[in-house]
Amino acid sequence: MADFPITERIPSDLATLLERFFDVARQDIESMRAALDNADFDELVRLGHTVKGTGSGYGFKAMGPIGHAIEQAALARDPEGVLQGVDTLRHYLDTVQVEFED
């Protein structure tokens, strides 16, 4: 696991979107937990892939590898690996530091 907190440099024009971004990311965590409870690995693959792309698209570079790990664990039907990835994502979202760049 990476050292936390991580500082991410985000384009300043995305500042107004970050509250919604974090809300959606936390909803994704809840969706992942529900999918894990139901052993819905196809949904977990989709959600992991979404986290990977969305996080990177907003400049949250560390979310790419976390989402990829969730996606790969889901493809392997590895519930413990998925849970570890989900917990890492939650911790990342709770601790990430944002610096805005012009």
N, C-alpha and C. Protein backbone atom coordinates (compact mmCIF):
# COMPACT_ATOMS: atom_id res chain seq x y z
N MET A 1 0.85 -1.17 0.00
CA MET A 1 0.00 0.00 0.00
C MET A 1 0.90 1.24 0.00
N ALA A 2 0.47 2.23 -0.70
CA ALA A 2 1.22 3.48 -0.79
C ALA A 2 1.18 4.21 0.55
N ASP A 3 2.15 5.07 0.73
CA ASP A 3 2.14 5.91 1.93
C ASP A 3 1.04 6.95 1.80
N PHE A 4 0.31 7.16 2.87
CA PHE A 4 -0.77 8.14 2.89
C PHE A 4 -0.47 9.17 3.97
N PRO A 5 -0.88 10.41 3.87
CA PRO A 5 -1.67 10.91 2.74
C PRO A 5 -0.80 11.21 1.53
N ILE A 6 -1.44 11.15 0.40
CA ILE A 6 -0.83 11.50 -0.88
C ILE A 6 -1.31 12.89 -1.25
N THR A 7 -0.42 13.69 -1.80
CA THR A 7 -0.81 15.00 -2.30
C THR A 7 -0.97 14.90 -3.81
N GLU A 8 -2.12 15.31 -4.30
CA GLU A 8 -2.41 15.31 -5.73
C GLU A 8 -2.54 16.75 -6.20
N ARG A 9 -1.94 17.04 -7.34
CA ARG A 9 -2.03 18.37 -7.94
C ARG A 9 -3.13 18.33 -8.99
N ILE A 10 -4.17 19.11 -8.76
CA ILE A 10 -5.39 19.10 -9.57
C ILE A 10 -5.51 20.44 -10.29
N PRO A 11 -5.89 20.41 -11.57
CA PRO A 11 -6.12 21.69 -12.26
C PRO A 11 -7.16 22.53 -11.52
N SER A 12 -6.87 23.80 -11.35
CA SER A 12 -7.76 24.67 -10.57
C SER A 12 -9.16 24.79 -11.17
N ASP A 13 -9.29 24.57 -12.48
CA ASP A 13 -10.62 24.67 -13.08
C ASP A 13 -11.54 23.52 -12.66
N LEU A 14 -10.99 22.50 -11.98
CA LEU A 14 -11.81 21.39 -11.49
C LEU A 14 -12.25 21.58 -10.04
N ALA A 15 -11.82 22.67 -9.41
CA ALA A 15 -12.10 22.89 -7.99
C ALA A 15 -13.58 22.82 -7.66
N THR A 16 -14.41 23.40 -8.49
CA THR A 16 -15.85 23.43 -8.20
C THR A 16 -16.51 22.05 -8.35
N LEU A 17 -15.82 21.12 -8.99
CA LEU A 17 -16.37 19.78 -9.21
C LEU A 17 -15.95 18.77 -8.16
N LEU A 18 -15.01 19.14 -7.29
CA LEU A 18 -14.44 18.15 -6.38
C LEU A 18 -15.40 17.62 -5.34
N GLU A 19 -16.29 18.46 -4.82
CA GLU A 19 -17.24 17.96 -3.82
C GLU A 19 -18.09 16.84 -4.43
N ARG A 20 -18.59 17.07 -5.61
CA ARG A 20 -19.39 16.04 -6.31
C ARG A 20 -18.53 14.81 -6.62
N PHE A 21 -17.29 15.03 -7.05
CA PHE A 21 -16.38 13.94 -7.35
C PHE A 21 -16.21 13.03 -6.13
N PHE A 22 -15.94 13.62 -4.96
CA PHE A 22 -15.75 12.82 -3.75
C PHE A 22 -17.04 12.14 -3.33
N ASP A 23 -18.19 12.80 -3.48
CA ASP A 23 -19.47 12.17 -3.16
C ASP A 23 -19.70 10.93 -4.02
N VAL A 24 -19.46 11.06 -5.32
CA VAL A 24 -19.65 9.92 -6.23
C VAL A 24 -18.66 8.81 -5.91
N ALA A 25 -17.42 9.16 -5.64
CA ALA A 25 -16.41 8.14 -5.32
C ALA A 25 -16.80 7.37 -4.06
N ARG A 26 -17.34 8.07 -3.08
CA ARG A 26 -17.77 7.39 -1.84
C ARG A 26 -19.01 6.53 -2.10
N GLN A 27 -19.88 6.97 -2.99
CA GLN A 27 -21.03 6.14 -3.38
C GLN A 27 -20.54 4.88 -4.09
N ASP A 28 -19.49 5.03 -4.90
CA ASP A 28 -18.91 3.86 -5.58
C ASP A 28 -18.39 2.84 -4.56
N ILE A 29 -17.81 3.33 -3.48
CA ILE A 29 -17.33 2.42 -2.43
C ILE A 29 -18.49 1.63 -1.85
N GLU A 30 -19.60 2.31 -1.58
CA GLU A 30 -20.78 1.61 -1.06
C GLU A 30 -21.30 0.60 -2.08
N SER A 31 -21.30 0.97 -3.34
CA SER A 31 -21.73 0.04 -4.40
C SER A 31 -20.80 -1.16 -4.48
N MET A 32 -19.51 -0.92 -4.29
CA MET A 32 -18.55 -2.04 -4.31
C MET A 32 -18.79 -2.98 -3.14
N ARG A 33 -19.05 -2.42 -1.98
CA ARG A 33 -19.31 -3.26 -0.81
C ARG A 33 -20.57 -4.10 -1.02
N ALA A 34 -21.60 -3.50 -1.60
CA ALA A 34 -22.84 -4.24 -1.89
C ALA A 34 -22.59 -5.33 -2.92
N ALA A 35 -21.82 -4.99 -3.96
CA ALA A 35 -21.51 -5.99 -4.99
C ALA A 35 -20.67 -7.11 -4.40
N LEU A 36 -19.77 -6.78 -3.50
CA LEU A 36 -18.96 -7.81 -2.86
C LEU A 36 -19.83 -8.72 -1.99
N ASP A 37 -20.77 -8.13 -1.27
CA ASP A 37 -21.70 -8.93 -0.45
C ASP A 37 -22.50 -9.91 -1.31
N ASN A 38 -22.78 -9.50 -2.56
CA ASN A 38 -23.56 -10.33 -3.48
C ASN A 38 -22.69 -11.15 -4.43
N ALA A 39 -21.38 -11.11 -4.22
CA ALA A 39 -20.43 -11.81 -5.09
C ALA A 39 -20.65 -11.44 -6.56
N ASP A 40 -20.97 -10.18 -6.81
CA ASP A 40 -21.20 -9.68 -8.16
C ASP A 40 -19.88 -9.14 -8.73
N PHE A 41 -19.05 -10.07 -9.16
CA PHE A 41 -17.71 -9.70 -9.62
C PHE A 41 -17.74 -8.92 -10.92
N ASP A 42 -18.75 -9.13 -11.75
CA ASP A 42 -18.87 -8.35 -12.99
C ASP A 42 -19.07 -6.87 -12.66
N GLU A 43 -19.91 -6.59 -11.67
CA GLU A 43 -20.13 -5.21 -11.25
C GLU A 43 -18.86 -4.64 -10.63
N LEU A 44 -18.14 -5.44 -9.89
CA LEU A 44 -16.89 -4.98 -9.29
C LEU A 44 -15.84 -4.67 -10.35
N VAL A 45 -15.79 -5.46 -11.40
CA VAL A 45 -14.87 -5.16 -12.51
C VAL A 45 -15.23 -3.79 -13.09
N ARG A 46 -16.51 -3.58 -13.34
CA ARG A 46 -16.96 -2.31 -13.92
C ARG A 46 -16.63 -1.14 -13.00
N LEU A 47 -16.92 -1.29 -11.72
CA LEU A 47 -16.67 -0.20 -10.77
C LEU A 47 -15.18 0.08 -10.62
N GLY A 48 -14.37 -0.97 -10.56
CA GLY A 48 -12.92 -0.77 -10.48
C GLY A 48 -12.39 -0.03 -11.70
N HIS A 49 -12.90 -0.41 -12.86
CA HIS A 49 -12.50 0.25 -14.10
C HIS A 49 -12.93 1.72 -14.10
N THR A 50 -14.12 1.98 -13.61
CA THR A 50 -14.63 3.36 -13.53
C THR A 50 -13.77 4.20 -12.59
N VAL A 51 -13.43 3.66 -11.43
CA VAL A 51 -12.58 4.38 -10.48
C VAL A 51 -11.23 4.72 -11.13
N LYS A 52 -10.68 3.75 -11.82
CA LYS A 52 -9.39 3.94 -12.48
C LYS A 52 -9.46 5.10 -13.46
N GLY A 53 -10.45 5.11 -14.32
CA GLY A 53 -10.56 6.14 -15.35
C GLY A 53 -10.99 7.49 -14.82
N THR A 54 -11.98 7.50 -13.95
CA THR A 54 -12.50 8.76 -13.44
C THR A 54 -11.46 9.46 -12.58
N GLY A 55 -10.84 8.73 -11.68
CA GLY A 55 -9.82 9.33 -10.82
C GLY A 55 -8.69 9.93 -11.63
N SER A 56 -8.19 9.18 -12.58
CA SER A 56 -7.11 9.69 -13.42
C SER A 56 -7.55 10.90 -14.22
N GLY A 57 -8.79 10.88 -14.70
CA GLY A 57 -9.31 11.99 -15.49
C GLY A 57 -9.40 13.29 -14.72
N TYR A 58 -9.60 13.19 -13.41
CA TYR A 58 -9.67 14.38 -12.56
C TYR A 58 -8.30 14.77 -12.00
N GLY A 59 -7.29 13.99 -12.29
CA GLY A 59 -5.95 14.29 -11.80
C GLY A 59 -5.56 13.56 -10.53
N PHE A 60 -6.41 12.66 -10.07
CA PHE A 60 -6.10 11.86 -8.89
C PHE A 60 -5.36 10.61 -9.35
N LYS A 61 -4.08 10.79 -9.60
CA LYS A 61 -3.26 9.74 -10.24
C LYS A 61 -3.21 8.45 -9.44
N ALA A 62 -3.21 8.53 -8.14
CA ALA A 62 -3.13 7.33 -7.31
C ALA A 62 -4.38 6.46 -7.41
N MET A 63 -5.48 7.04 -7.84
CA MET A 63 -6.71 6.25 -7.98
C MET A 63 -6.61 5.26 -9.13
N GLY A 64 -5.78 5.55 -10.11
CA GLY A 64 -5.61 4.63 -11.24
C GLY A 64 -5.16 3.25 -10.79
N PRO A 65 -4.04 3.16 -10.07
CA PRO A 65 -3.59 1.85 -9.61
C PRO A 65 -4.54 1.19 -8.61
N ILE A 66 -5.20 1.98 -7.79
CA ILE A 66 -6.16 1.40 -6.84
C ILE A 66 -7.34 0.79 -7.60
N GLY A 67 -7.90 1.54 -8.55
CA GLY A 67 -9.00 1.02 -9.36
C GLY A 67 -8.57 -0.20 -10.15
N HIS A 68 -7.35 -0.17 -10.68
CA HIS A 68 -6.83 -1.31 -11.44
C HIS A 68 -6.73 -2.55 -10.54
N ALA A 69 -6.26 -2.37 -9.30
CA ALA A 69 -6.15 -3.49 -8.38
C ALA A 69 -7.52 -4.08 -8.07
N ILE A 70 -8.52 -3.23 -7.89
CA ILE A 70 -9.89 -3.71 -7.64
C ILE A 70 -10.39 -4.48 -8.85
N GLU A 71 -10.18 -3.90 -10.04
CA GLU A 71 -10.62 -4.55 -11.27
C GLU A 71 -9.96 -5.93 -11.44
N GLN A 72 -8.66 -6.00 -11.21
CA GLN A 72 -7.94 -7.27 -11.38
C GLN A 72 -8.37 -8.30 -10.34
N ALA A 73 -8.57 -7.87 -9.10
CA ALA A 73 -9.04 -8.80 -8.07
C ALA A 73 -10.43 -9.32 -8.41
N ALA A 74 -11.28 -8.45 -8.94
CA ALA A 74 -12.63 -8.88 -9.33
C ALA A 74 -12.56 -9.87 -10.49
N LEU A 75 -11.70 -9.61 -11.45
CA LEU A 75 -11.54 -10.54 -12.57
C LEU A 75 -11.06 -11.91 -12.08
N ALA A 76 -10.25 -11.91 -11.03
CA ALA A 76 -9.74 -13.16 -10.46
C ALA A 76 -10.72 -13.79 -9.47
N ARG A 77 -11.87 -13.12 -9.28
CA ARG A 77 -12.88 -13.60 -8.32
C ARG A 77 -12.27 -13.74 -6.93
N ASP A 78 -11.50 -12.73 -6.54
CA ASP A 78 -10.77 -12.71 -5.27
C ASP A 78 -11.41 -11.70 -4.32
N PRO A 79 -12.36 -12.15 -3.49
CA PRO A 79 -13.07 -11.20 -2.61
C PRO A 79 -12.14 -10.49 -1.63
N GLU A 80 -11.13 -11.17 -1.12
CA GLU A 80 -10.21 -10.53 -0.18
C GLU A 80 -9.40 -9.44 -0.88
N GLY A 81 -8.98 -9.70 -2.11
CA GLY A 81 -8.25 -8.69 -2.87
C GLY A 81 -9.12 -7.49 -3.18
N VAL A 82 -10.38 -7.74 -3.51
CA VAL A 82 -11.32 -6.64 -3.77
C VAL A 82 -11.50 -5.82 -2.51
N LEU A 83 -11.72 -6.48 -1.39
CA LEU A 83 -11.93 -5.77 -0.12
C LEU A 83 -10.70 -4.94 0.24
N GLN A 84 -9.52 -5.49 0.02
CA GLN A 84 -8.30 -4.72 0.30
C GLN A 84 -8.26 -3.47 -0.58
N GLY A 85 -8.60 -3.61 -1.86
CA GLY A 85 -8.63 -2.46 -2.76
C GLY A 85 -9.66 -1.43 -2.35
N VAL A 86 -10.82 -1.88 -1.95
CA VAL A 86 -11.89 -0.97 -1.52
C VAL A 86 -11.45 -0.22 -0.26
N ASP A 87 -10.85 -0.93 0.67
CA ASP A 87 -10.36 -0.28 1.88
C ASP A 87 -9.26 0.73 1.57
N THR A 88 -8.39 0.39 0.63
CA THR A 88 -7.34 1.32 0.22
C THR A 88 -7.94 2.56 -0.42
N LEU A 89 -8.95 2.37 -1.26
CA LEU A 89 -9.62 3.50 -1.89
C LEU A 89 -10.27 4.40 -0.85
N ARG A 90 -10.96 3.81 0.11
CA ARG A 90 -11.60 4.59 1.17
C ARG A 90 -10.55 5.40 1.93
N HIS A 91 -9.46 4.75 2.31
CA HIS A 91 -8.42 5.45 3.04
C HIS A 91 -7.81 6.58 2.20
N TYR A 92 -7.60 6.31 0.94
CA TYR A 92 -7.07 7.33 0.04
C TYR A 92 -8.00 8.55 0.00
N LEU A 93 -9.28 8.31 -0.21
CA LEU A 93 -10.25 9.41 -0.29
C LEU A 93 -10.33 10.19 1.01
N ASP A 94 -10.16 9.50 2.12
CA ASP A 94 -10.22 10.16 3.43
C ASP A 94 -8.98 10.99 3.73
N THR A 95 -7.86 10.69 3.09
CA THR A 95 -6.60 11.33 3.47
C THR A 95 -5.94 12.15 2.37
N VAL A 96 -6.38 12.02 1.13
CA VAL A 96 -5.70 12.72 0.03
C VAL A 96 -5.69 14.23 0.27
N GLN A 97 -4.57 14.83 -0.03
CA GLN A 97 -4.40 16.26 0.06
C GLN A 97 -4.44 16.81 -1.36
N VAL A 98 -5.18 17.90 -1.57
CA VAL A 98 -5.33 18.47 -2.90
C VAL A 98 -4.60 19.81 -2.95
N GLU A 99 -3.77 19.96 -3.95
CA GLU A 99 -3.16 21.25 -4.28
C GLU A 99 -3.62 21.62 -5.67
N PHE A 100 -4.01 22.86 -5.83
CA PHE A 100 -4.50 23.31 -7.14
C PHE A 100 -3.37 23.94 -7.93
N GLU A 101 -3.36 23.60 -9.20
CA GLU A 101 -2.38 24.21 -10.11
C GLU A 101 -3.13 25.05 -11.12
N ASP A 102 -2.47 26.10 -11.59
CA ASP A 102 -3.09 27.00 -12.56
C ASP A 102 -3.05 26.43 -13.95
